[in-house]
């Protein structure tokens, strides 16, 4: 999932993919990656004059 998300921004070669996998494995806690996300919800609107 994380590597595929990175692929939406740039092409990932095999060496970069392996480095990403090693990094992600280093962040595992009990076999899972704990990810925290802070979300801001906004609304934009334009008014015609």
Foldseek 3Di string as FASTA:
>chain_A
DVVVVVVVVDNADPVNVVVVVVVQVVQDDPNDHDDDDDDDDDDDDDDDD
